Amino acid sequence: MESQGIPTVTLNMFREVAENIKIPRVLNLRFPFGSPLGVPNNKEQQKDVIKEALNLLETADQPGVIKESGITYK
């Protein structure tokens, strides 16, 4: 998608993987595997994650940006 001019943001829970495979834009979350948007059924938290990811999409000024999320799981 990136090669076709469509920017992407990846939600990631393992920073070292993102660093090694050079993902263009990464929102790194300290969430358990299997819950990239947060606690199941916590709609507000899930919206916050999506908003933070979209914000990164708008503000990342270079490839390879990895942003640590300030959102906590619980």
N, C-alpha and C. Protein backbone atom coordinates (compact mmCIF):
# COMPACT_ATOMS: atom_id res chain seq x y z
N MET A 1 0.82 -1.18 0.00
CA MET A 1 0.00 0.00 0.00
C MET A 1 0.87 1.25 0.00
N GLU A 2 1.89 1.25 0.81
CA GLU A 2 2.78 2.42 0.89
C GLU A 2 3.40 2.72 -0.48
N SER A 3 3.79 1.67 -1.21
CA SER A 3 4.42 1.90 -2.51
C SER A 3 3.44 2.49 -3.52
N GLN A 4 2.15 2.36 -3.25
CA GLN A 4 1.12 2.94 -4.12
C GLN A 4 0.66 4.32 -3.64
N GLY A 5 1.35 4.85 -2.61
CA GLY A 5 1.04 6.18 -2.12
C GLY A 5 -0.04 6.23 -1.06
N ILE A 6 -0.39 5.08 -0.50
CA ILE A 6 -1.39 5.02 0.56
C ILE A 6 -0.67 4.86 1.89
N PRO A 7 -0.66 5.89 2.73
CA PRO A 7 0.06 5.81 4.00
C PRO A 7 -0.64 4.86 4.98
N THR A 8 0.16 4.21 5.82
CA THR A 8 -0.37 3.28 6.80
C THR A 8 0.20 3.56 8.19
N VAL A 9 -0.52 3.11 9.20
CA VAL A 9 -0.05 3.10 10.58
C VAL A 9 -0.27 1.70 11.11
N THR A 10 0.72 1.16 11.77
CA THR A 10 0.61 -0.18 12.34
C THR A 10 0.53 -0.07 13.85
N LEU A 11 -0.41 -0.80 14.44
CA LEU A 11 -0.48 -0.94 15.90
C LEU A 11 0.43 -2.10 16.26
N ASN A 12 1.32 -1.86 17.20
CA ASN A 12 2.36 -2.84 17.49
C ASN A 12 2.52 -3.00 19.00
N MET A 13 2.80 -4.23 19.43
CA MET A 13 3.03 -4.49 20.84
C MET A 13 4.46 -4.95 21.13
N PHE A 14 5.29 -4.98 20.12
CA PHE A 14 6.66 -5.47 20.29
C PHE A 14 7.59 -4.56 19.49
N ARG A 15 8.09 -3.53 20.13
CA ARG A 15 8.86 -2.48 19.48
C ARG A 15 10.05 -3.01 18.66
N GLU A 16 10.75 -4.00 19.20
CA GLU A 16 11.94 -4.51 18.52
C GLU A 16 11.61 -5.06 17.13
N VAL A 17 10.46 -5.66 16.97
CA VAL A 17 10.05 -6.17 15.66
C VAL A 17 9.86 -5.00 14.70
N ALA A 18 9.17 -3.97 15.15
CA ALA A 18 8.94 -2.79 14.30
C ALA A 18 10.27 -2.16 13.88
N GLU A 19 11.21 -2.09 14.80
CA GLU A 19 12.51 -1.50 14.48
C GLU A 19 13.26 -2.35 13.44
N ASN A 20 13.16 -3.66 13.56
CA ASN A 20 13.91 -4.55 12.67
C ASN A 20 13.33 -4.63 11.27
N ILE A 21 12.02 -4.53 11.12
CA ILE A 21 11.45 -4.68 9.78
C ILE A 21 11.11 -3.34 9.12
N LYS A 22 11.44 -2.24 9.79
CA LYS A 22 11.34 -0.90 9.20
C LYS A 22 9.92 -0.55 8.73
N ILE A 23 8.96 -0.69 9.63
CA ILE A 23 7.58 -0.31 9.32
C ILE A 23 7.53 1.22 9.22
N PRO A 24 6.81 1.79 8.24
CA PRO A 24 6.82 3.24 8.03
C PRO A 24 6.33 4.07 9.22
N ARG A 25 5.21 3.71 9.81
CA ARG A 25 4.67 4.45 10.96
C ARG A 25 4.09 3.44 11.94
N VAL A 26 4.53 3.53 13.20
CA VAL A 26 4.12 2.55 14.21
C VAL A 26 3.63 3.26 15.46
N LEU A 27 2.47 2.82 15.95
CA LEU A 27 2.02 3.22 17.28
C LEU A 27 2.28 2.02 18.17
N ASN A 28 3.25 2.17 19.08
CA ASN A 28 3.63 1.06 19.96
C ASN A 28 2.81 1.14 21.23
N LEU A 29 2.12 0.05 21.52
CA LEU A 29 1.23 -0.03 22.67
C LEU A 29 1.74 -1.09 23.65
N ARG A 30 1.64 -0.81 24.91
CA ARG A 30 2.02 -1.80 25.92
C ARG A 30 0.77 -2.55 26.37
N PHE A 31 0.19 -3.24 25.41
CA PHE A 31 -1.02 -4.03 25.62
C PHE A 31 -0.67 -5.50 25.45
N PRO A 32 -1.50 -6.40 26.01
CA PRO A 32 -1.25 -7.82 25.77
C PRO A 32 -1.51 -8.19 24.32
N PHE A 33 -0.80 -9.20 23.84
CA PHE A 33 -1.02 -9.68 22.48
C PHE A 33 -2.48 -10.12 22.34
N GLY A 34 -3.06 -9.80 21.20
CA GLY A 34 -4.45 -10.14 20.95
C GLY A 34 -5.41 -9.02 21.28
N SER A 35 -4.90 -7.93 21.87
CA SER A 35 -5.76 -6.79 22.24
C SER A 35 -5.15 -5.48 21.76
N PRO A 36 -4.92 -5.33 20.44
CA PRO A 36 -4.23 -4.14 19.96
C PRO A 36 -5.02 -2.84 20.15
N LEU A 37 -6.33 -2.94 20.33
CA LEU A 37 -7.13 -1.72 20.55
C LEU A 37 -7.44 -1.50 22.02
N GLY A 38 -7.02 -2.41 22.88
CA GLY A 38 -7.25 -2.24 24.31
C GLY A 38 -8.17 -3.30 24.88
N VAL A 39 -8.71 -2.98 26.05
CA VAL A 39 -9.58 -3.90 26.78
C VAL A 39 -10.83 -4.19 25.96
N PRO A 40 -11.19 -5.46 25.80
CA PRO A 40 -12.41 -5.79 25.07
C PRO A 40 -13.63 -5.06 25.64
N ASN A 41 -14.45 -4.56 24.75
CA ASN A 41 -15.70 -3.85 25.08
C ASN A 41 -15.49 -2.47 25.72
N ASN A 42 -14.25 -2.00 25.79
CA ASN A 42 -13.99 -0.66 26.31
C ASN A 42 -13.94 0.30 25.11
N LYS A 43 -15.11 0.73 24.70
CA LYS A 43 -15.22 1.54 23.48
C LYS A 43 -14.45 2.85 23.56
N GLU A 44 -14.45 3.48 24.71
CA GLU A 44 -13.73 4.76 24.86
C GLU A 44 -12.23 4.56 24.67
N GLN A 45 -11.67 3.53 25.28
CA GLN A 45 -10.25 3.25 25.13
C GLN A 45 -9.94 2.92 23.67
N GLN A 46 -10.79 2.14 23.04
CA GLN A 46 -10.57 1.76 21.65
C GLN A 46 -10.61 2.98 20.73
N LYS A 47 -11.53 3.89 21.00
CA LYS A 47 -11.57 5.14 20.22
C LYS A 47 -10.30 5.96 20.44
N ASP A 48 -9.81 5.98 21.67
CA ASP A 48 -8.58 6.72 21.97
C ASP A 48 -7.39 6.16 21.18
N VAL A 49 -7.30 4.84 21.09
CA VAL A 49 -6.22 4.21 20.33
C VAL A 49 -6.33 4.60 18.86
N ILE A 50 -7.52 4.51 18.31
CA ILE A 50 -7.72 4.86 16.90
C ILE A 50 -7.39 6.33 16.66
N LYS A 51 -7.82 7.22 17.55
CA LYS A 51 -7.50 8.65 17.41
C LYS A 51 -6.00 8.88 17.45
N GLU A 52 -5.31 8.20 18.35
CA GLU A 52 -3.87 8.36 18.45
C GLU A 52 -3.18 7.86 17.18
N ALA A 53 -3.67 6.75 16.63
CA ALA A 53 -3.09 6.22 15.39
C ALA A 53 -3.32 7.18 14.22
N LEU A 54 -4.52 7.73 14.12
CA LEU A 54 -4.81 8.69 13.04
C LEU A 54 -3.99 9.97 13.20
N ASN A 55 -3.78 10.38 14.43
CA ASN A 55 -2.94 11.55 14.69
C ASN A 55 -1.51 11.29 14.21
N LEU A 56 -1.01 10.09 14.48
CA LEU A 56 0.34 9.73 14.01
C LEU A 56 0.39 9.74 12.48
N LEU A 57 -0.66 9.28 11.85
CA LEU A 57 -0.72 9.28 10.39
C LEU A 57 -0.59 10.71 9.85
N GLU A 58 -1.21 11.66 10.53
CA GLU A 58 -1.17 13.07 10.09
C GLU A 58 0.14 13.75 10.42
N THR A 59 0.80 13.37 11.51
CA THR A 59 1.95 14.13 11.99
C THR A 59 3.31 13.52 11.70
N ALA A 60 3.37 12.25 11.35
CA ALA A 60 4.67 11.62 11.07
C ALA A 60 5.29 12.30 9.86
N ASP A 61 6.45 12.89 10.05
CA ASP A 61 7.07 13.67 8.99
C ASP A 61 8.18 12.93 8.24
N GLN A 62 8.41 11.66 8.63
CA GLN A 62 9.43 10.87 7.95
C GLN A 62 9.13 9.39 8.14
N PRO A 63 9.63 8.54 7.25
CA PRO A 63 9.41 7.11 7.41
C PRO A 63 10.15 6.58 8.64
N GLY A 64 9.64 5.50 9.19
CA GLY A 64 10.31 4.86 10.32
C GLY A 64 9.94 5.42 11.67
N VAL A 65 8.90 6.24 11.75
CA VAL A 65 8.49 6.84 13.02
C VAL A 65 7.84 5.78 13.90
N ILE A 66 8.33 5.67 15.13
CA ILE A 66 7.73 4.79 16.13
C ILE A 66 7.34 5.66 17.31
N LYS A 67 6.03 5.72 17.58
CA LYS A 67 5.52 6.55 18.67
C LYS A 67 5.06 5.63 19.79
N GLU A 68 5.53 5.92 20.99
CA GLU A 68 5.05 5.19 22.16
C GLU A 68 3.71 5.77 22.58
N SER A 69 2.73 4.91 22.71
CA SER A 69 1.41 5.37 23.13
C SER A 69 1.42 5.68 24.62
N GLY A 70 0.66 6.69 25.00
CA GLY A 70 0.51 7.03 26.40
C GLY A 70 -0.69 6.35 27.03
N ILE A 71 -1.40 5.53 26.27
CA ILE A 71 -2.61 4.88 26.75
C ILE A 71 -2.22 3.62 27.52
N THR A 72 -2.79 3.47 28.71
CA THR A 72 -2.54 2.26 29.49
C THR A 72 -3.66 1.26 29.26
N TYR A 73 -3.36 -0.01 29.40
CA TYR A 73 -4.32 -1.07 29.09
C TYR A 73 -5.53 -1.03 30.01
N LYS A 74 -5.33 -0.94 31.28
CA LYS A 74 -6.47 -0.97 32.23
C LYS A 74 -6.79 0.41 32.73
